[in-house]
């Protein structure tokens, strides 16, 4: 039994609210459910929101306890490249995480960036759960790529979605609606593209309900396929949400 949580993007207070709503206790320092349910995350725990470091510290603690199921997203990857010292653009939300890091002492900043590198390097590109019936991939995964060994195509799809190579007027990459054409058997649970309500399409569910943009933070319960959401505490930015034609 799993509770999969959509893109958090530094919304730590909303995460605590959702965990409480789902019945988890943090008395031991990590979320524990009395019925033995497990948490899983579609990635992008950091950037854009007010409390990325607190989210990261909770994820680190879960990883240390062997309890972390996490599919890294594009923001996770970008922060990893920054942590390694690569020259990356401090835009699209990374600048908020860096601002938090810069408020720390040099020693603390270095410790967190080193810990984050270890955190990221242990993560698989996507998670296969419940005997392969359930897949968690940050931006999704086409049925043709399920089970394919690591490749640039898998990495690109999981991190960014089914991109066309074109750019939208606001600078975002143009993406195909891959879920519309998915006909695989495993359920794919993903995020990355903010929607106002969880989107069920064939055997896929988008649970990024744009918490950092004033929407909601959503969890999908498996195998029940029920969603649980809590309201965002961030300002509402309607232009950030994608509306699909069908």
C-alpha atoms as a PDB file:
ATOM      1  CA  UNK A   1       0.000   0.000   0.000  1.00  0.00           C
ATOM      2  CA  UNK A   2       1.502   3.297  -1.120  1.00  0.00           C
ATOM      3  CA  UNK A   3       0.722   6.983  -0.824  1.00  0.00           C
ATOM      4  CA  UNK A   4       2.366   8.830  -3.717  1.00  0.00           C
ATOM      5  CA  UNK A   5       2.897  12.553  -3.327  1.00  0.00           C
ATOM      6  CA  UNK A   6       3.050  15.083  -6.157  1.00  0.00           C
ATOM      7  CA  UNK A   7       5.598  17.852  -6.755  1.00  0.00           C
ATOM      8  CA  UNK A   8       6.322  19.562  -3.415  1.00  0.00           C
ATOM      9  CA  UNK A   9       8.650  22.346  -4.625  1.00  0.00           C
ATOM     10  CA  UNK A  10       9.677  23.505  -1.180  1.00  0.00           C
ATOM     11  CA  UNK A  11       6.141  23.663   0.268  1.00  0.00           C
ATOM     12  CA  UNK A  12       7.116  22.048   3.542  1.00  0.00           C
ATOM     13  CA  UNK A  13       4.130  23.221   5.605  1.00  0.00           C
ATOM     14  CA  UNK A  14       1.715  21.820   3.033  1.00  0.00           C
ATOM     15  CA  UNK A  15       3.670  18.545   3.032  1.00  0.00           C
ATOM     16  CA  UNK A  16       3.266  18.247   6.802  1.00  0.00           C
ATOM     17  CA  UNK A  17      -0.438  19.027   6.416  1.00  0.00           C
ATOM     18  CA  UNK A  18      -0.850  16.320   3.776  1.00  0.00           C
ATOM     19  CA  UNK A  19       1.096  13.741   5.789  1.00  0.00           C
ATOM     20  CA  UNK A  20      -1.137  14.419   8.784  1.00  0.00           C
ATOM     21  CA  UNK A  21      -4.259  14.153   6.624  1.00  0.00           C
ATOM     22  CA  UNK A  22      -3.022  10.809   5.308  1.00  0.00           C
ATOM     23  CA  UNK A  23      -2.526   9.545   8.864  1.00  0.00           C
ATOM     24  CA  UNK A  24       1.260   9.670   9.155  1.00  0.00           C
ATOM     25  CA  UNK A  25       3.117  10.531  12.348  1.00  0.00           C
ATOM     26  CA  UNK A  26       6.581  12.146  12.469  1.00  0.00           C
ATOM     27  CA  UNK A  27       7.256  11.362  16.128  1.00  0.00           C
ATOM     28  CA  UNK A  28      10.251   9.208  15.151  1.00  0.00           C
ATOM     29  CA  UNK A  29      11.603  11.904  12.821  1.00  0.00           C
ATOM     30  CA  UNK A  30      10.321  10.215   9.665  1.00  0.00           C
ATOM     31  CA  UNK A  31       6.722   9.655   8.512  1.00  0.00           C
ATOM     32  CA  UNK A  32       5.237   6.415   9.869  1.00  0.00           C
ATOM     33  CA  UNK A  33       1.739   5.138   9.125  1.00  0.00           C
ATOM     34  CA  UNK A  34      -0.047   2.910  11.666  1.00  0.00           C
ATOM     35  CA  UNK A  35      -1.281   0.616   8.870  1.00  0.00           C
ATOM     36  CA  UNK A  36       2.178   0.170   7.377  1.00  0.00           C
ATOM     37  CA  UNK A  37       1.517   2.260   4.279  1.00  0.00           C
ATOM     38  CA  UNK A  38       4.581   3.563   2.458  1.00  0.00           C
ATOM     39  CA  UNK A  39       5.271   6.975   0.986  1.00  0.00           C
ATOM     40  CA  UNK A  40       6.554   7.543  -2.525  1.00  0.00           C
ATOM     41  CA  UNK A  41       7.375  10.790  -4.294  1.00  0.00           C
ATOM     42  CA  UNK A  42       7.216  11.850  -7.949  1.00  0.00           C
ATOM     43  CA  UNK A  43      10.187  14.185  -7.470  1.00  0.00           C
ATOM     44  CA  UNK A  44      10.942  17.914  -7.495  1.00  0.00           C
ATOM     45  CA  UNK A  45      10.827  18.239  -3.737  1.00  0.00           C
ATOM     46  CA  UNK A  46      12.814  21.460  -3.938  1.00  0.00           C
ATOM     47  CA  UNK A  47      12.998  24.822  -5.760  1.00  0.00           C
ATOM     48  CA  UNK A  48      10.460  27.634  -6.172  1.00  0.00           C
ATOM     49  CA  UNK A  49       8.845  27.312  -2.740  1.00  0.00           C
ATOM     50  CA  UNK A  50       9.816  28.794   0.636  1.00  0.00           C
ATOM     51  CA  UNK A  51      11.294  25.774   2.468  1.00  0.00           C
ATOM     52  CA  UNK A  52      13.286  23.551   0.132  1.00  0.00           C
ATOM     53  CA  UNK A  53      15.940  22.754   2.737  1.00  0.00           C
ATOM     54  CA  UNK A  54      13.372  21.461   5.225  1.00  0.00           C
ATOM     55  CA  UNK A  55      11.880  19.204   2.561  1.00  0.00           C
ATOM     56  CA  UNK A  56      15.345  17.951   1.658  1.00  0.00           C
ATOM     57  CA  UNK A  57      16.244  17.230   5.279  1.00  0.00           C
ATOM     58  CA  UNK A  58      13.097  15.128   5.666  1.00  0.00           C
ATOM     59  CA  UNK A  59      13.930  13.213   2.489  1.00  0.00           C
ATOM     60  CA  UNK A  60      17.499  12.685   3.718  1.00  0.00           C
ATOM     61  CA  UNK A  61      16.172  11.289   7.008  1.00  0.00           C
ATOM     62  CA  UNK A  62      13.858   8.910   5.157  1.00  0.00           C
ATOM     63  CA  UNK A  63      16.727   7.765   2.963  1.00  0.00           C
ATOM     64  CA  UNK A  64      18.920   7.187   6.020  1.00  0.00           C
ATOM     65  CA  UNK A  65      16.181   4.964   7.457  1.00  0.00           C
ATOM     66  CA  UNK A  66      15.867   3.027   4.193  1.00  0.00           C
ATOM     67  CA  UNK A  67      12.327   4.333   3.705  1.00  0.00           C
ATOM     68  CA  UNK A  68      12.697   6.578   0.655  1.00  0.00           C
ATOM     69  CA  UNK A  69      10.920   5.847  -2.636  1.00  0.00           C
ATOM     70  CA  UNK A  70      11.604   8.832  -4.868  1.00  0.00           C
ATOM     71  CA  UNK A  71      11.676   9.417  -8.615  1.00  0.00           C
ATOM     72  CA  UNK A  72      13.962  12.408  -9.302  1.00  0.00           C
ATOM     73  CA  UNK A  73      12.728  15.262 -11.446  1.00  0.00           C
ATOM     74  CA  UNK A  74      14.342  17.928 -13.590  1.00  0.00           C
ATOM     75  CA  UNK A  75      14.741  20.284 -10.622  1.00  0.00           C
ATOM     76  CA  UNK A  76      16.414  17.491  -8.658  1.00  0.00           C
ATOM     77  CA  UNK A  77      18.805  16.948 -11.535  1.00  0.00           C
ATOM     78  CA  UNK A  78      19.608  20.633 -11.906  1.00  0.00           C
ATOM     79  CA  UNK A  79      20.348  21.018  -8.192  1.00  0.00           C
ATOM     80  CA  UNK A  80      22.568  17.947  -8.407  1.00  0.00           C
ATOM     81  CA  UNK A  81      24.570  19.510 -11.220  1.00  0.00           C
ATOM     82  CA  UNK A  82      24.834  22.730  -9.205  1.00  0.00           C
ATOM     83  CA  UNK A  83      25.966  20.785  -6.122  1.00  0.00           C
ATOM     84  CA  UNK A  84      28.749  19.206  -8.163  1.00  0.00           C
ATOM     85  CA  UNK A  85      29.990  22.632  -9.186  1.00  0.00           C
ATOM     86  CA  UNK A  86      28.657  22.642 -12.742  1.00  0.00           C
ATOM     87  CA  UNK A  87      27.754  25.935 -14.361  1.00  0.00           C
ATOM     88  CA  UNK A  88      23.942  25.925 -14.385  1.00  0.00           C
ATOM     89  CA  UNK A  89      21.523  28.807 -14.772  1.00  0.00           C
ATOM     90  CA  UNK A  90      20.178  29.923 -11.413  1.00  0.00           C
ATOM     91  CA  UNK A  91      16.665  30.393 -12.762  1.00  0.00           C
ATOM     92  CA  UNK A  92      13.222  28.718 -12.844  1.00  0.00           C
ATOM     93  CA  UNK A  93      13.225  28.182  -9.081  1.00  0.00           C
ATOM     94  CA  UNK A  94      16.780  27.048  -8.399  1.00  0.00           C
ATOM     95  CA  UNK A  95      17.576  30.572  -7.218  1.00  0.00           C
ATOM     96  CA  UNK A  96      15.204  30.150  -4.243  1.00  0.00           C
ATOM     97  CA  UNK A  97      17.012  27.033  -3.050  1.00  0.00           C
ATOM     98  CA  UNK A  98      20.385  28.728  -3.515  1.00  0.00           C
ATOM     99  CA  UNK A  99      19.150  31.711  -1.490  1.00  0.00           C
ATOM    100  CA  UNK A 100      18.331  29.331   1.370  1.00  0.00           C
ATOM    101  CA  UNK A 101      21.749  27.714   1.066  1.00  0.00           C
ATOM    102  CA  UNK A 102      23.466  31.106   1.035  1.00  0.00           C
ATOM    103  CA  UNK A 103      21.834  31.984   4.371  1.00  0.00           C
ATOM    104  CA  UNK A 104      23.781  29.158   6.023  1.00  0.00           C
ATOM    105  CA  UNK A 105      27.368  29.084   7.208  1.00  0.00           C
ATOM    106  CA  UNK A 106      29.905  27.972   4.638  1.00  0.00           C
ATOM    107  CA  UNK A 107      30.342  24.682   6.511  1.00  0.00           C
ATOM    108  CA  UNK A 108      26.602  23.958   6.669  1.00  0.00           C
ATOM    109  CA  UNK A 109      26.166  24.886   3.014  1.00  0.00           C
ATOM    110  CA  UNK A 110      28.931  22.499   1.965  1.00  0.00           C
ATOM    111  CA  UNK A 111      27.557  19.707   4.143  1.00  0.00           C
ATOM    112  CA  UNK A 112      24.073  19.954   2.648  1.00  0.00           C
ATOM    113  CA  UNK A 113      25.343  20.085  -0.935  1.00  0.00           C
ATOM    114  CA  UNK A 114      27.568  17.060  -0.338  1.00  0.00           C
ATOM    115  CA  UNK A 115      24.690  15.192   1.299  1.00  0.00           C
ATOM    116  CA  UNK A 116      22.437  16.096  -1.585  1.00  0.00           C
ATOM    117  CA  UNK A 117      24.904  14.622  -4.070  1.00  0.00           C
ATOM    118  CA  UNK A 118      24.837  11.327  -2.176  1.00  0.00           C
ATOM    119  CA  UNK A 119      21.044  11.508  -1.995  1.00  0.00           C
ATOM    120  CA  UNK A 120      20.683  11.965  -5.750  1.00  0.00           C
ATOM    121  CA  UNK A 121      23.270   9.410  -6.824  1.00  0.00           C
ATOM    122  CA  UNK A 122      21.386   6.538  -5.162  1.00  0.00           C
ATOM    123  CA  UNK A 123      18.074   7.274  -6.926  1.00  0.00           C
ATOM    124  CA  UNK A 124      16.869   5.206  -9.884  1.00  0.00           C
ATOM    125  CA  UNK A 125      15.471   7.131 -12.844  1.00  0.00           C
ATOM    126  CA  UNK A 126      12.024   5.747 -12.069  1.00  0.00           C
ATOM    127  CA  UNK A 127      10.451   3.390  -9.546  1.00  0.00           C
ATOM    128  CA  UNK A 128       8.709   0.097 -10.309  1.00  0.00           C
ATOM    129  CA  UNK A 129       6.478  -1.058  -7.451  1.00  0.00           C
ATOM    130  CA  UNK A 130       3.937  -3.758  -6.657  1.00  0.00           C
ATOM    131  CA  UNK A 131       5.485  -6.315  -8.971  1.00  0.00           C
ATOM    132  CA  UNK A 132       5.661  -3.880 -11.870  1.00  0.00           C
ATOM    133  CA  UNK A 133       1.963  -2.958 -11.736  1.00  0.00           C
ATOM    134  CA  UNK A 134       2.872   0.561 -10.629  1.00  0.00           C
ATOM    135  CA  UNK A 135       5.526   2.915 -12.011  1.00  0.00           C
ATOM    136  CA  UNK A 136       6.470   6.297 -10.581  1.00  0.00           C
ATOM    137  CA  UNK A 137       8.275   8.545 -13.055  1.00  0.00           C
ATOM    138  CA  UNK A 138       8.599  12.296 -12.578  1.00  0.00           C
ATOM    139  CA  UNK A 139       7.407  13.480 -15.998  1.00  0.00           C
ATOM    140  CA  UNK A 140       5.996  10.136 -17.129  1.00  0.00           C
ATOM    141  CA  UNK A 141       7.182   7.206 -19.225  1.00  0.00           C
ATOM    142  CA  UNK A 142       5.943   5.862 -22.542  1.00  0.00           C
ATOM    143  CA  UNK A 143       5.036   2.191 -22.729  1.00  0.00           C
ATOM    144  CA  UNK A 144       7.827   1.643 -25.270  1.00  0.00           C
ATOM    145  CA  UNK A 145      10.430   2.698 -22.701  1.00  0.00           C
ATOM    146  CA  UNK A 146       9.220   0.583 -19.768  1.00  0.00           C
ATOM    147  CA  UNK A 147      11.985  -1.822 -18.838  1.00  0.00           C
ATOM    148  CA  UNK A 148      14.437  -0.375 -21.353  1.00  0.00           C
ATOM    149  CA  UNK A 149      17.976  -0.214 -19.913  1.00  0.00           C
ATOM    150  CA  UNK A 150      19.303   3.208 -19.007  1.00  0.00           C
ATOM    151  CA  UNK A 151      19.501   5.423 -22.045  1.00  0.00           C
ATOM    152  CA  UNK A 152      19.402   9.101 -22.917  1.00  0.00           C
ATOM    153  CA  UNK A 153      15.846   8.617 -24.212  1.00  0.00           C
ATOM    154  CA  UNK A 154      14.637   7.204 -20.874  1.00  0.00           C
ATOM    155  CA  UNK A 155      16.423   9.910 -18.896  1.00  0.00           C
ATOM    156  CA  UNK A 156      15.029  12.726 -21.043  1.00  0.00           C
ATOM    157  CA  UNK A 157      11.465  11.382 -20.909  1.00  0.00           C
ATOM    158  CA  UNK A 158      11.498  10.807 -17.155  1.00  0.00           C
ATOM    159  CA  UNK A 159      12.971  14.219 -16.357  1.00  0.00           C
ATOM    160  CA  UNK A 160      11.278  16.436 -18.943  1.00  0.00           C
ATOM    161  CA  UNK A 161       8.416  14.517 -20.557  1.00  0.00           C
ATOM    162  CA  UNK A 162       7.837  13.899 -24.247  1.00  0.00           C
ATOM    163  CA  UNK A 163       9.492  17.089 -25.455  1.00  0.00           C
ATOM    164  CA  UNK A 164       9.315  18.156 -29.110  1.00  0.00           C
ATOM    165  CA  UNK A 165      12.489  20.243 -29.143  1.00  0.00           C
ATOM    166  CA  UNK A 166      10.473  23.436 -29.560  1.00  0.00           C
ATOM    167  CA  UNK A 167      10.069  26.189 -26.982  1.00  0.00           C
ATOM    168  CA  UNK A 168       6.844  27.875 -25.873  1.00  0.00           C
ATOM    169  CA  UNK A 169       6.602  31.692 -25.711  1.00  0.00           C
ATOM    170  CA  UNK A 170       7.143  31.653 -21.923  1.00  0.00           C
ATOM    171  CA  UNK A 171      10.375  29.682 -22.296  1.00  0.00           C
ATOM    172  CA  UNK A 172       9.067  26.286 -21.291  1.00  0.00           C
ATOM    173  CA  UNK A 173       9.760  23.318 -23.572  1.00  0.00           C
ATOM    174  CA  UNK A 174       6.895  22.184 -25.777  1.00  0.00           C
ATOM    175  CA  UNK A 175       5.671  18.711 -24.739  1.00  0.00           C
ATOM    176  CA  UNK A 176       3.430  16.159 -26.379  1.00  0.00           C
ATOM    177  CA  UNK A 177       0.493  14.811 -24.383  1.00  0.00           C
ATOM    178  CA  UNK A 178       2.047  11.359 -24.022  1.00  0.00           C
ATOM    179  CA  UNK A 179      -0.608  10.150 -21.551  1.00  0.00           C
ATOM    180  CA  UNK A 180      -3.295  10.562 -24.203  1.00  0.00           C
ATOM    181  CA  UNK A 181      -1.632   7.824 -26.252  1.00  0.00           C
ATOM    182  CA  UNK A 182      -0.511   5.552 -23.408  1.00  0.00           C
ATOM    183  CA  UNK A 183      -2.026   2.074 -23.580  1.00  0.00           C
ATOM    184  CA  UNK A 184       0.329   0.140 -21.335  1.00  0.00           C
ATOM    185  CA  UNK A 185      -0.778  -2.167 -18.525  1.00  0.00           C
ATOM    186  CA  UNK A 186       1.256  -0.692 -15.625  1.00  0.00           C
ATOM    187  CA  UNK A 187      -0.151   2.418 -14.002  1.00  0.00           C
ATOM    188  CA  UNK A 188       2.161   5.414 -14.465  1.00  0.00           C
ATOM    189  CA  UNK A 189       2.000   8.006 -11.681  1.00  0.00           C
ATOM    190  CA  UNK A 190       3.775  11.250 -12.483  1.00  0.00           C
ATOM    191  CA  UNK A 191       3.859  15.018 -11.988  1.00  0.00           C
ATOM    192  CA  UNK A 192       5.975  17.754 -13.600  1.00  0.00           C
ATOM    193  CA  UNK A 193       3.090  19.487 -15.430  1.00  0.00           C
ATOM    194  CA  UNK A 194       0.811  21.412 -13.028  1.00  0.00           C
ATOM    195  CA  UNK A 195      -2.907  20.695 -13.405  1.00  0.00           C
ATOM    196  CA  UNK A 196      -5.730  22.086 -11.282  1.00  0.00           C
ATOM    197  CA  UNK A 197      -7.115  18.609 -10.548  1.00  0.00           C
ATOM    198  CA  UNK A 198      -5.424  15.184 -10.679  1.00  0.00           C
ATOM    199  CA  UNK A 199      -5.606  13.962 -14.255  1.00  0.00           C
ATOM    200  CA  UNK A 200      -6.561  10.318 -14.878  1.00  0.00           C
ATOM    201  CA  UNK A 201      -5.928   9.260 -18.472  1.00  0.00           C
ATOM    202  CA  UNK A 202      -5.837   5.573 -19.433  1.00  0.00           C
ATOM    203  CA  UNK A 203      -3.497   3.962 -16.868  1.00  0.00           C
ATOM    204  CA  UNK A 204      -1.787   7.250 -15.966  1.00  0.00           C
ATOM    205  CA  UNK A 205      -2.338   9.804 -13.213  1.00  0.00           C
ATOM    206  CA  UNK A 206      -0.797  13.271 -13.041  1.00  0.00           C
ATOM    207  CA  UNK A 207      -0.723  14.314  -9.376  1.00  0.00           C
ATOM    208  CA  UNK A 208       1.154  17.623  -9.721  1.00  0.00           C
ATOM    209  CA  UNK A 209      -1.671  19.934  -8.698  1.00  0.00           C
ATOM    210  CA  UNK A 210       0.571  22.988  -8.537  1.00  0.00           C
ATOM    211  CA  UNK A 211       1.009  23.478  -4.804  1.00  0.00           C
ATOM    212  CA  UNK A 212       3.797  26.024  -5.269  1.00  0.00           C
ATOM    213  CA  UNK A 213       1.546  27.974  -7.639  1.00  0.00           C
ATOM    214  CA  UNK A 214      -1.327  28.188  -5.167  1.00  0.00           C
ATOM    215  CA  UNK A 215      -3.142  24.989  -6.145  1.00  0.00           C
ATOM    216  CA  UNK A 216      -3.037  21.894  -3.958  1.00  0.00           C
ATOM    217  CA  UNK A 217      -0.611  19.247  -2.788  1.00  0.00           C
ATOM    218  CA  UNK A 218      -2.003  15.885  -3.785  1.00  0.00           C
ATOM    219  CA  UNK A 219      -1.385  12.253  -2.915  1.00  0.00           C
ATOM    220  CA  UNK A 220      -2.618   9.198  -4.786  1.00  0.00           C
ATOM    221  CA  UNK A 221      -3.332   6.127  -2.678  1.00  0.00           C
ATOM    222  CA  UNK A 222      -2.488   2.720  -4.139  1.00  0.00           C
ATOM    223  CA  UNK A 223      -4.137   0.333  -4.776  1.00  0.00           C
ATOM    224  CA  UNK A 224      -7.271   2.345  -3.987  1.00  0.00           C
ATOM    225  CA  UNK A 225      -6.567   4.925  -6.739  1.00  0.00           C
ATOM    226  CA  UNK A 226      -8.043   7.582  -4.465  1.00  0.00           C
ATOM    227  CA  UNK A 227      -6.636  11.107  -4.285  1.00  0.00           C
ATOM    228  CA  UNK A 228      -6.173  13.157  -1.132  1.00  0.00           C
ATOM    229  CA  UNK A 229      -5.319  16.850  -1.365  1.00  0.00           C
ATOM    230  CA  UNK A 230      -4.594  19.795   0.937  1.00  0.00           C
ATOM    231  CA  UNK A 231      -4.810  23.465   0.007  1.00  0.00           C
ATOM    232  CA  UNK A 232      -1.697  25.444  -0.845  1.00  0.00           C
ATOM    233  CA  UNK A 233      -0.574  28.372   1.278  1.00  0.00           C
ATOM    234  CA  UNK A 234       1.105  30.038  -1.731  1.00  0.00           C
ATOM    235  CA  UNK A 235      -0.339  32.786  -3.983  1.00  0.00           C
ATOM    236  CA  UNK A 236      -2.493  31.469  -6.805  1.00  0.00           C
ATOM    237  CA  UNK A 237      -0.935  31.806 -10.277  1.00  0.00           C
ATOM    238  CA  UNK A 238      -3.531  30.497 -12.758  1.00  0.00           C
ATOM    239  CA  UNK A 239      -1.258  30.927 -15.774  1.00  0.00           C
ATOM    240  CA  UNK A 240       1.047  28.193 -14.462  1.00  0.00           C
ATOM    241  CA  UNK A 241      -1.522  25.418 -14.897  1.00  0.00           C
ATOM    242  CA  UNK A 242      -1.931  23.299 -18.011  1.00  0.00           C
ATOM    243  CA  UNK A 243      -5.405  22.711 -19.411  1.00  0.00           C
ATOM    244  CA  UNK A 244      -5.745  19.679 -21.682  1.00  0.00           C
ATOM    245  CA  UNK A 245      -8.235  19.534 -24.525  1.00  0.00           C
ATOM    246  CA  UNK A 246      -9.423  16.102 -23.421  1.00  0.00           C
END
